[in-house]
Amino acid sequence: MDPAVHDRGGWPIDAPIDRSEHELADWELLADALVGALLRRRLMNVDELRRGIESMPPEDYEHASYYERWLHSMETILTEKGVLEPGEVDRRLAT
């Protein structure tokens, strides 16, 4: 069985992992705050967040940044729980 896209352990790859620090963009800070709020309100837990990230299609996962993966997961989990309607975030962003 091949490892899933999020499971990097043991993958032969020549490119080094970028471990450099960077200042977070405003939207990244907001994504981090939103996860904290959802956790505190018990609308989501860390295991659900991780499951949402790990369930991303491999190509989407590969092209998403750390916090883009979080946003995908939050939308997925909140839609599953009926907090958001399917497609609601996209509709609101389009207006």
Protein backbone atom coordinates (compact mmCIF):
# COMPACT_ATOMS: atom_id res chain seq x y z
CA MET A 1 0.00 0.00 0.00
CA ASP A 2 1.40 3.38 -1.00
CA PRO A 3 1.53 6.05 1.70
CA ALA A 4 -1.03 8.84 1.55
CA VAL A 5 0.07 12.25 0.35
CA HIS A 6 0.26 13.66 3.90
CA ASP A 7 2.48 10.79 5.11
CA ARG A 8 5.99 11.94 4.11
CA GLY A 9 7.87 9.50 6.30
CA GLY A 10 10.28 7.46 4.22
CA TRP A 11 9.48 9.07 0.86
CA PRO A 12 12.60 9.31 -1.27
CA ILE A 13 12.87 12.97 -2.16
CA ASP A 14 15.88 15.13 -2.91
CA ALA A 15 14.36 18.50 -2.06
CA PRO A 16 15.02 19.68 1.49
CA ILE A 17 12.12 20.64 3.72
CA ASP A 18 11.82 24.41 4.01
CA ARG A 19 12.07 25.09 7.73
CA SER A 20 12.53 28.82 7.46
CA GLU A 21 10.41 31.07 9.63
CA HIS A 22 8.14 33.61 8.01
CA GLU A 23 5.77 36.23 9.25
CA LEU A 24 2.18 35.07 8.97
CA ALA A 25 -0.11 36.92 6.60
CA ASP A 26 -3.29 38.40 8.05
CA TRP A 27 -5.45 35.63 6.55
CA GLU A 28 -3.17 32.99 8.12
CA LEU A 29 -3.56 34.63 11.53
CA LEU A 30 -7.33 34.68 11.04
CA ALA A 31 -7.36 30.99 10.01
CA ASP A 32 -5.39 30.13 13.14
CA ALA A 33 -7.79 32.17 15.30
CA LEU A 34 -10.80 30.53 13.66
CA VAL A 35 -9.49 27.04 14.44
CA GLY A 36 -8.95 28.12 18.05
CA ALA A 37 -12.49 29.48 18.28
CA LEU A 38 -13.99 26.32 16.76
CA LEU A 39 -12.02 24.15 19.18
CA ARG A 40 -13.06 26.24 22.20
CA ARG A 41 -16.73 26.18 21.12
CA ARG A 42 -16.42 22.40 20.58
CA LEU A 43 -17.65 22.70 17.00
CA MET A 44 -14.59 20.77 15.89
CA ASN A 45 -11.71 18.92 17.51
CA VAL A 46 -8.08 18.41 16.54
CA ASP A 47 -8.70 14.87 15.27
CA GLU A 48 -11.42 16.16 12.95
CA LEU A 49 -9.13 18.93 11.71
CA ARG A 50 -6.45 16.36 10.93
CA ARG A 51 -8.93 14.01 9.24
CA GLY A 52 -10.17 16.84 7.04
CA ILE A 53 -6.62 17.66 5.98
CA GLU A 54 -5.71 14.03 5.37
CA SER A 55 -8.83 13.50 3.23
CA MET A 56 -7.88 16.22 0.74
CA PRO A 57 -7.34 14.99 -2.83
CA PRO A 58 -3.57 14.50 -3.30
CA GLU A 59 -3.20 17.18 -5.97
CA ASP A 60 -5.08 19.73 -3.84
CA TYR A 61 -2.95 18.81 -0.82
CA GLU A 62 0.28 19.19 -2.78
CA HIS A 63 -0.62 22.68 -4.01
CA ALA A 64 -2.07 24.01 -0.75
CA SER A 65 -0.16 25.85 1.92
CA TYR A 66 -0.33 24.86 5.58
CA TYR A 67 -3.19 27.22 6.40
CA GLU A 68 -4.99 26.56 3.11
CA ARG A 69 -5.17 22.93 4.27
CA TRP A 70 -6.66 24.12 7.55
CA LEU A 71 -9.28 26.17 5.69
CA HIS A 72 -10.20 23.20 3.51
CA SER A 73 -10.55 21.02 6.60
CA MET A 74 -12.67 23.54 8.51
CA GLU A 75 -15.04 23.95 5.58
CA THR A 76 -15.28 20.16 5.15
CA ILE A 77 -15.97 19.46 8.83
CA LEU A 78 -18.45 22.32 9.28
CA THR A 79 -20.31 21.24 6.14
CA GLU A 80 -20.46 17.64 7.39
CA LYS A 81 -21.94 18.89 10.66
CA GLY A 82 -24.50 21.11 8.95
CA VAL A 83 -23.02 24.36 10.26
CA LEU A 84 -22.31 25.38 6.66
CA GLU A 85 -24.34 24.54 3.57
CA PRO A 86 -22.45 22.80 0.74
CA GLY A 87 -20.84 25.52 -1.38
CA GLU A 88 -21.76 28.30 1.08
CA VAL A 89 -18.23 29.65 1.43
CA ASP A 90 -17.74 29.85 -2.35
CA ARG A 91 -21.12 31.58 -2.78
CA ARG A 92 -20.30 34.16 -0.11
CA LEU A 93 -16.88 34.83 -1.59
CA ALA A 94 -18.41 35.34 -5.04
CA THR A 95 -20.62 38.22 -3.84
